[in-house]
Amino acid sequence: MQSILDFLLAQGVIDEDRKAKLIYELKNSEPPTVDWSIQARMALFPPGSLNRRLAEIMVEKQSNLCLAVDGSSKERILQVSYDFPYKSVIVSYRLSKTRYK
């Protein structure tokens, strides 16, 4: 961190006072607590989104394992996640008919 602050100081982004304050804050503050549970992260997805539904399926299956699937529709991707025989779920997808410019 010292070298980053030295670089910012040399570039004129911060001054000596700001550097001293940042060093003090880094040494005297507690890191934030983050809830990495699927339920907590699920709250970040918009209601009705594919990501939210997939996270809900992960909770239902009590799984944090993933399955990658190429599919052409949201419904098909969700069906694969339901039908897969193991405690896995799809967490990312790519539509196979995507057009590139």
N, C-alpha and C. Protein backbone atom coordinates (compact mmCIF):
# COMPACT_ATOMS: atom_id res chain seq x y z
N MET A 1 0.82 -1.18 0.00
CA MET A 1 0.00 0.00 0.00
C MET A 1 0.87 1.25 0.00
N GLN A 2 1.98 1.15 0.68
CA GLN A 2 2.90 2.30 0.75
C GLN A 2 3.33 2.74 -0.65
N SER A 3 3.66 1.77 -1.51
CA SER A 3 4.12 2.14 -2.86
C SER A 3 2.99 2.76 -3.68
N ILE A 4 1.77 2.34 -3.48
CA ILE A 4 0.64 2.94 -4.18
C ILE A 4 0.46 4.38 -3.73
N LEU A 5 0.52 4.60 -2.42
CA LEU A 5 0.38 5.96 -1.90
C LEU A 5 1.53 6.85 -2.36
N ASP A 6 2.74 6.30 -2.40
CA ASP A 6 3.88 7.07 -2.90
C ASP A 6 3.68 7.45 -4.36
N PHE A 7 3.15 6.53 -5.16
CA PHE A 7 2.88 6.81 -6.56
C PHE A 7 1.84 7.93 -6.70
N LEU A 8 0.74 7.82 -5.94
CA LEU A 8 -0.30 8.85 -5.99
C LEU A 8 0.24 10.21 -5.57
N LEU A 9 1.10 10.19 -4.58
CA LEU A 9 1.74 11.44 -4.13
C LEU A 9 2.62 12.02 -5.24
N ALA A 10 3.43 11.19 -5.87
CA ALA A 10 4.32 11.63 -6.94
C ALA A 10 3.54 12.17 -8.14
N GLN A 11 2.36 11.63 -8.37
CA GLN A 11 1.54 12.07 -9.50
C GLN A 11 0.70 13.31 -9.17
N GLY A 12 0.74 13.71 -7.92
CA GLY A 12 -0.02 14.88 -7.51
C GLY A 12 -1.49 14.61 -7.25
N VAL A 13 -1.85 13.33 -7.16
CA VAL A 13 -3.24 12.96 -6.91
C VAL A 13 -3.61 13.22 -5.44
N ILE A 14 -2.66 12.97 -4.55
CA ILE A 14 -2.86 13.24 -3.12
C ILE A 14 -1.68 14.07 -2.62
N ASP A 15 -1.89 14.70 -1.46
CA ASP A 15 -0.78 15.43 -0.84
C ASP A 15 -0.33 14.67 0.41
N GLU A 16 0.69 15.19 1.09
CA GLU A 16 1.26 14.51 2.27
C GLU A 16 0.20 14.32 3.37
N ASP A 17 -0.65 15.32 3.58
CA ASP A 17 -1.69 15.21 4.62
C ASP A 17 -2.65 14.07 4.31
N ARG A 18 -3.08 14.00 3.05
CA ARG A 18 -4.02 12.94 2.67
C ARG A 18 -3.37 11.58 2.80
N LYS A 19 -2.09 11.47 2.42
CA LYS A 19 -1.36 10.21 2.55
C LYS A 19 -1.31 9.78 4.01
N ALA A 20 -1.00 10.72 4.90
CA ALA A 20 -0.92 10.40 6.33
C ALA A 20 -2.29 9.95 6.86
N LYS A 21 -3.36 10.62 6.43
CA LYS A 21 -4.71 10.24 6.87
C LYS A 21 -5.07 8.84 6.38
N LEU A 22 -4.73 8.53 5.13
CA LEU A 22 -5.02 7.20 4.59
C LEU A 22 -4.25 6.12 5.34
N ILE A 23 -2.99 6.37 5.63
CA ILE A 23 -2.20 5.39 6.40
C ILE A 23 -2.80 5.18 7.78
N TYR A 24 -3.20 6.25 8.43
CA TYR A 24 -3.83 6.15 9.75
C TYR A 24 -5.12 5.32 9.66
N GLU A 25 -5.96 5.63 8.69
CA GLU A 25 -7.23 4.91 8.54
C GLU A 25 -7.01 3.43 8.25
N LEU A 26 -6.02 3.12 7.43
CA LEU A 26 -5.73 1.72 7.12
C LEU A 26 -5.24 0.95 8.35
N LYS A 27 -4.47 1.60 9.18
CA LYS A 27 -3.92 0.94 10.37
C LYS A 27 -4.94 0.83 11.50
N ASN A 28 -5.91 1.73 11.56
CA ASN A 28 -6.80 1.82 12.71
C ASN A 28 -8.27 1.51 12.43
N SER A 29 -8.54 0.88 11.33
CA SER A 29 -9.94 0.57 11.05
C SER A 29 -10.12 -0.94 10.90
N GLU A 30 -11.32 -1.39 11.19
CA GLU A 30 -11.66 -2.80 11.05
C GLU A 30 -12.16 -3.05 9.63
N PRO A 31 -11.79 -4.17 9.04
CA PRO A 31 -12.31 -4.47 7.71
C PRO A 31 -13.82 -4.71 7.78
N PRO A 32 -14.55 -4.36 6.72
CA PRO A 32 -16.00 -4.57 6.74
C PRO A 32 -16.32 -6.06 6.74
N THR A 33 -17.40 -6.40 7.40
CA THR A 33 -17.86 -7.78 7.38
C THR A 33 -18.78 -7.96 6.18
N VAL A 34 -18.54 -9.00 5.43
CA VAL A 34 -19.32 -9.26 4.23
C VAL A 34 -19.97 -10.62 4.35
N ASP A 35 -21.25 -10.67 4.10
CA ASP A 35 -21.98 -11.94 4.09
C ASP A 35 -21.94 -12.50 2.67
N TRP A 36 -21.16 -13.57 2.48
CA TRP A 36 -21.00 -14.15 1.16
C TRP A 36 -21.99 -15.28 0.90
N SER A 37 -22.98 -15.46 1.77
CA SER A 37 -23.94 -16.55 1.56
C SER A 37 -24.73 -16.32 0.27
N ILE A 38 -25.22 -17.40 -0.27
CA ILE A 38 -26.02 -17.31 -1.50
C ILE A 38 -27.26 -16.46 -1.26
N GLN A 39 -27.88 -16.61 -0.10
CA GLN A 39 -29.08 -15.84 0.22
C GLN A 39 -28.79 -14.34 0.21
N ALA A 40 -27.67 -13.94 0.77
CA ALA A 40 -27.32 -12.52 0.80
C ALA A 40 -27.03 -12.00 -0.60
N ARG A 41 -26.31 -12.77 -1.39
CA ARG A 41 -25.99 -12.34 -2.74
C ARG A 41 -27.22 -12.35 -3.63
N MET A 42 -28.16 -13.26 -3.35
CA MET A 42 -29.39 -13.34 -4.13
C MET A 42 -30.17 -12.03 -4.04
N ALA A 43 -30.09 -11.35 -2.92
CA ALA A 43 -30.81 -10.09 -2.74
C ALA A 43 -30.30 -9.01 -3.68
N LEU A 44 -29.11 -9.19 -4.24
CA LEU A 44 -28.55 -8.20 -5.16
C LEU A 44 -29.11 -8.32 -6.58
N PHE A 45 -29.71 -9.46 -6.89
CA PHE A 45 -30.26 -9.67 -8.23
C PHE A 45 -31.68 -9.12 -8.31
N PRO A 46 -32.05 -8.53 -9.43
CA PRO A 46 -33.42 -8.01 -9.58
C PRO A 46 -34.44 -9.14 -9.52
N PRO A 47 -35.61 -8.91 -8.91
CA PRO A 47 -36.66 -9.93 -8.90
C PRO A 47 -37.01 -10.34 -10.32
N GLY A 48 -37.19 -11.64 -10.52
CA GLY A 48 -37.57 -12.15 -11.83
C GLY A 48 -36.41 -12.37 -12.78
N SER A 49 -35.20 -12.00 -12.39
CA SER A 49 -34.05 -12.18 -13.28
C SER A 49 -33.60 -13.64 -13.28
N LEU A 50 -32.95 -14.03 -14.35
CA LEU A 50 -32.44 -15.40 -14.46
C LEU A 50 -31.43 -15.68 -13.34
N ASN A 51 -30.55 -14.73 -13.06
CA ASN A 51 -29.56 -14.94 -11.99
C ASN A 51 -30.24 -15.18 -10.65
N ARG A 52 -31.28 -14.42 -10.36
CA ARG A 52 -32.00 -14.59 -9.09
C ARG A 52 -32.63 -15.97 -9.02
N ARG A 53 -33.27 -16.38 -10.12
CA ARG A 53 -33.92 -17.70 -10.12
C ARG A 53 -32.89 -18.81 -9.96
N LEU A 54 -31.75 -18.67 -10.60
CA LEU A 54 -30.71 -19.70 -10.46
C LEU A 54 -30.19 -19.75 -9.02
N ALA A 55 -30.04 -18.62 -8.38
CA ALA A 55 -29.62 -18.60 -6.98
C ALA A 55 -30.68 -19.26 -6.10
N GLU A 56 -31.96 -19.03 -6.39
CA GLU A 56 -33.03 -19.68 -5.64
C GLU A 56 -32.96 -21.19 -5.79
N ILE A 57 -32.66 -21.67 -7.00
CA ILE A 57 -32.53 -23.11 -7.24
C ILE A 57 -31.34 -23.66 -6.46
N MET A 58 -30.24 -22.90 -6.39
CA MET A 58 -29.08 -23.34 -5.60
C MET A 58 -29.47 -23.52 -4.14
N VAL A 59 -30.28 -22.61 -3.61
CA VAL A 59 -30.73 -22.71 -2.22
C VAL A 59 -31.64 -23.93 -2.07
N GLU A 60 -32.57 -24.11 -3.01
CA GLU A 60 -33.48 -25.26 -2.96
C GLU A 60 -32.71 -26.58 -2.99
N LYS A 61 -31.70 -26.67 -3.85
CA LYS A 61 -30.91 -27.89 -3.98
C LYS A 61 -29.83 -28.00 -2.90
N GLN A 62 -29.68 -26.97 -2.08
CA GLN A 62 -28.65 -26.92 -1.05
C GLN A 62 -27.29 -27.23 -1.67
N SER A 63 -26.96 -26.44 -2.70
CA SER A 63 -25.75 -26.69 -3.46
C SER A 63 -25.02 -25.38 -3.76
N ASN A 64 -23.72 -25.48 -3.87
CA ASN A 64 -22.94 -24.36 -4.36
C ASN A 64 -22.11 -24.80 -5.57
N LEU A 65 -22.45 -25.95 -6.14
CA LEU A 65 -21.77 -26.45 -7.33
C LEU A 65 -22.42 -25.87 -8.58
N CYS A 66 -21.66 -25.82 -9.66
CA CYS A 66 -22.14 -25.17 -10.87
C CYS A 66 -22.14 -26.14 -12.05
N LEU A 67 -23.00 -25.85 -13.01
CA LEU A 67 -23.06 -26.57 -14.27
C LEU A 67 -23.15 -25.53 -15.37
N ALA A 68 -22.27 -25.58 -16.35
CA ALA A 68 -22.30 -24.61 -17.44
C ALA A 68 -23.12 -25.17 -18.59
N VAL A 69 -24.00 -24.35 -19.15
CA VAL A 69 -24.89 -24.79 -20.23
C VAL A 69 -24.99 -23.70 -21.28
N ASP A 70 -24.93 -24.09 -22.54
CA ASP A 70 -25.26 -23.18 -23.63
C ASP A 70 -26.72 -23.44 -23.96
N GLY A 71 -27.50 -22.42 -24.05
CA GLY A 71 -28.92 -22.61 -24.36
C GLY A 71 -29.46 -21.45 -25.14
N SER A 72 -30.63 -21.65 -25.69
CA SER A 72 -31.21 -20.60 -26.53
C SER A 72 -32.36 -19.87 -25.85
N SER A 73 -32.76 -20.33 -24.65
CA SER A 73 -33.85 -19.64 -23.97
C SER A 73 -33.71 -19.77 -22.47
N LYS A 74 -34.26 -18.81 -21.76
CA LYS A 74 -34.25 -18.82 -20.30
C LYS A 74 -34.96 -20.07 -19.78
N GLU A 75 -36.09 -20.41 -20.40
CA GLU A 75 -36.87 -21.57 -19.96
C GLU A 75 -36.07 -22.87 -20.08
N ARG A 76 -35.35 -23.01 -21.19
CA ARG A 76 -34.55 -24.23 -21.41
C ARG A 76 -33.42 -24.32 -20.39
N ILE A 77 -32.77 -23.21 -20.12
CA ILE A 77 -31.67 -23.19 -19.15
C ILE A 77 -32.19 -23.58 -17.77
N LEU A 78 -33.34 -23.02 -17.38
CA LEU A 78 -33.91 -23.37 -16.08
C LEU A 78 -34.33 -24.83 -16.03
N GLN A 79 -34.86 -25.35 -17.13
CA GLN A 79 -35.26 -26.76 -17.16
C GLN A 79 -34.06 -27.67 -16.97
N VAL A 80 -32.94 -27.36 -17.61
CA VAL A 80 -31.72 -28.16 -17.44
C VAL A 80 -31.29 -28.15 -15.98
N SER A 81 -31.39 -27.00 -15.33
CA SER A 81 -30.97 -26.92 -13.93
C SER A 81 -31.86 -27.76 -13.03
N TYR A 82 -33.16 -27.85 -13.37
CA TYR A 82 -34.06 -28.70 -12.58
C TYR A 82 -33.79 -30.18 -12.84
N ASP A 83 -33.53 -30.54 -14.09
CA ASP A 83 -33.40 -31.94 -14.47
C ASP A 83 -32.04 -32.55 -14.15
N PHE A 84 -31.02 -31.71 -13.95
CA PHE A 84 -29.69 -32.24 -13.69
C PHE A 84 -29.74 -33.08 -12.42
N PRO A 85 -29.25 -34.35 -12.46
CA PRO A 85 -29.47 -35.27 -11.34
C PRO A 85 -28.64 -35.00 -10.09
N TYR A 86 -27.65 -34.14 -10.17
CA TYR A 86 -26.80 -33.90 -9.02
C TYR A 86 -27.15 -32.58 -8.36
N LYS A 87 -26.61 -32.37 -7.18
CA LYS A 87 -26.83 -31.11 -6.48
C LYS A 87 -25.96 -30.03 -7.10
N SER A 88 -26.31 -29.66 -8.30
CA SER A 88 -25.59 -28.61 -9.02
C SER A 88 -26.62 -27.67 -9.62
N VAL A 89 -26.15 -26.52 -9.98
CA VAL A 89 -27.02 -25.57 -10.64
C VAL A 89 -26.20 -24.71 -11.58
N ILE A 90 -26.85 -24.20 -12.60
CA ILE A 90 -26.19 -23.31 -13.55
C ILE A 90 -26.07 -21.95 -12.89
N VAL A 91 -24.91 -21.33 -12.96
CA VAL A 91 -24.78 -19.98 -12.42
C VAL A 91 -24.43 -18.95 -13.48
N SER A 92 -24.11 -19.42 -14.67
CA SER A 92 -23.87 -18.48 -15.76
C SER A 92 -24.33 -19.14 -17.05
N TYR A 93 -24.66 -18.31 -18.01
CA TYR A 93 -25.12 -18.88 -19.27
C TYR A 93 -24.71 -17.98 -20.41
N ARG A 94 -24.81 -18.52 -21.61
CA ARG A 94 -24.53 -17.77 -22.82
C ARG A 94 -25.53 -18.23 -23.87
N LEU A 95 -26.22 -17.31 -24.46
CA LEU A 95 -27.18 -17.66 -25.50
C LEU A 95 -26.41 -18.07 -26.76
N SER A 96 -26.80 -19.20 -27.34
CA SER A 96 -26.07 -19.72 -28.49
C SER A 96 -26.31 -18.92 -29.76
N LYS A 97 -27.37 -18.12 -29.81
CA LYS A 97 -27.70 -17.37 -31.03
C LYS A 97 -27.27 -15.90 -30.94
N THR A 98 -26.31 -15.61 -30.08
CA THR A 98 -25.83 -14.25 -29.93
C THR A 98 -25.16 -13.79 -31.23
N ARG A 99 -25.49 -12.59 -31.67
CA ARG A 99 -24.87 -12.04 -32.88
C ARG A 99 -23.74 -11.11 -32.48
N TYR A 100 -22.64 -11.22 -33.17
CA TYR A 100 -21.50 -10.34 -32.90
C TYR A 100 -21.36 -9.39 -34.08
N LYS A 101 -21.11 -8.13 -33.78
CA LYS A 101 -20.92 -7.15 -34.85
C LYS A 101 -19.45 -6.92 -35.12
